Amino acid sequence: MVFFVIFILLLLTIFDLPFLLEHTEKKAVIAYIVLIFIGIAINYIVIQDIPVTSPAVLIARVVGFILGEDLL
């Protein structure tokens, strides 16, 4: 299943290749590549059913560290 998702994303990238070659702005190309990799990572996490830590827990730990408190 993971390979199928990667194949679809690569197919979409090939479909968008003329746009990427036409616009030579590095920022646009870098943003496109980053979004593709984020999409692959999110799809992998969903397909493999990997538990993801809630952002609220991480934020509470950072705030507790900054304030010098042990919140968790």
Protein backbone atom coordinates (compact mmCIF):
# COMPACT_ATOMS: atom_id res chain seq x y z
CA MET A 1 0.00 0.00 0.00
CA VAL A 2 2.86 2.36 0.81
CA PHE A 3 4.41 1.78 -2.58
CA PHE A 4 1.08 2.49 -4.26
CA VAL A 5 0.79 5.87 -2.50
CA ILE A 6 4.38 6.75 -3.40
CA PHE A 7 3.70 5.71 -6.99
CA ILE A 8 0.61 7.96 -7.15
CA LEU A 9 2.50 10.92 -5.68
CA LEU A 10 5.36 10.40 -8.13
CA LEU A 11 2.84 10.18 -10.97
CA LEU A 12 1.35 13.51 -9.88
CA THR A 13 4.84 14.97 -9.69
CA ILE A 14 5.55 13.87 -13.26
CA PHE A 15 2.21 15.42 -14.25
CA ASP A 16 3.31 18.72 -12.68
CA LEU A 17 6.84 18.52 -14.12
CA PRO A 18 6.18 20.99 -16.98
CA PHE A 19 5.03 23.58 -14.42
CA LEU A 20 8.13 22.99 -12.29
CA LEU A 21 10.44 23.29 -15.29
CA GLU A 22 8.67 26.42 -16.53
CA HIS A 23 8.98 28.25 -13.22
CA THR A 24 12.62 28.40 -12.27
CA GLU A 25 12.03 29.93 -8.86
CA LYS A 26 13.87 27.83 -6.34
CA LYS A 27 11.37 28.65 -3.58
CA ALA A 28 8.46 27.21 -5.56
CA VAL A 29 10.34 24.03 -6.39
CA ILE A 30 11.55 23.58 -2.81
CA ALA A 31 8.05 24.17 -1.45
CA TYR A 32 6.65 21.61 -3.91
CA ILE A 33 9.23 19.00 -2.94
CA VAL A 34 8.67 19.61 0.78
CA LEU A 35 4.91 19.21 0.35
CA ILE A 36 5.41 15.95 -1.55
CA PHE A 37 7.63 14.57 1.23
CA ILE A 38 5.14 15.69 3.89
CA GLY A 39 2.40 13.93 1.96
CA ILE A 40 4.45 10.74 1.78
CA ALA A 41 5.19 10.89 5.52
CA ILE A 42 1.55 11.48 6.48
CA ASN A 43 0.35 8.70 4.20
CA TYR A 44 2.94 6.32 5.66
CA ILE A 45 1.84 7.17 9.21
CA VAL A 46 -1.82 6.62 8.35
CA ILE A 47 -1.24 3.38 6.42
CA GLN A 48 1.01 1.85 9.09
CA ASP A 49 -1.38 3.02 11.86
CA ILE A 50 1.49 4.52 13.86
CA PRO A 51 0.34 6.24 17.06
CA VAL A 52 1.20 9.93 17.00
CA THR A 53 1.79 11.93 20.15
CA SER A 54 -0.70 14.72 20.68
CA PRO A 55 0.76 18.19 20.12
CA ALA A 56 -0.83 19.27 23.41
CA VAL A 57 1.47 16.92 25.33
CA LEU A 58 4.56 18.31 23.62
CA ILE A 59 3.44 21.90 24.17
CA ALA A 60 2.80 21.19 27.86
CA ARG A 61 6.29 19.72 28.22
CA VAL A 62 7.91 22.74 26.53
CA VAL A 63 5.94 25.20 28.67
CA GLY A 64 6.78 23.22 31.80
CA PHE A 65 10.46 23.21 30.86
CA ILE A 66 10.44 26.96 30.27
CA LEU A 67 8.64 27.67 33.52
CA GLY A 68 10.78 25.21 35.44
CA GLU A 69 7.77 23.14 36.49
CA ASP A 70 7.13 19.45 36.16
CA LEU A 71 3.70 19.43 34.52
CA LEU A 72 3.76 15.78 33.45
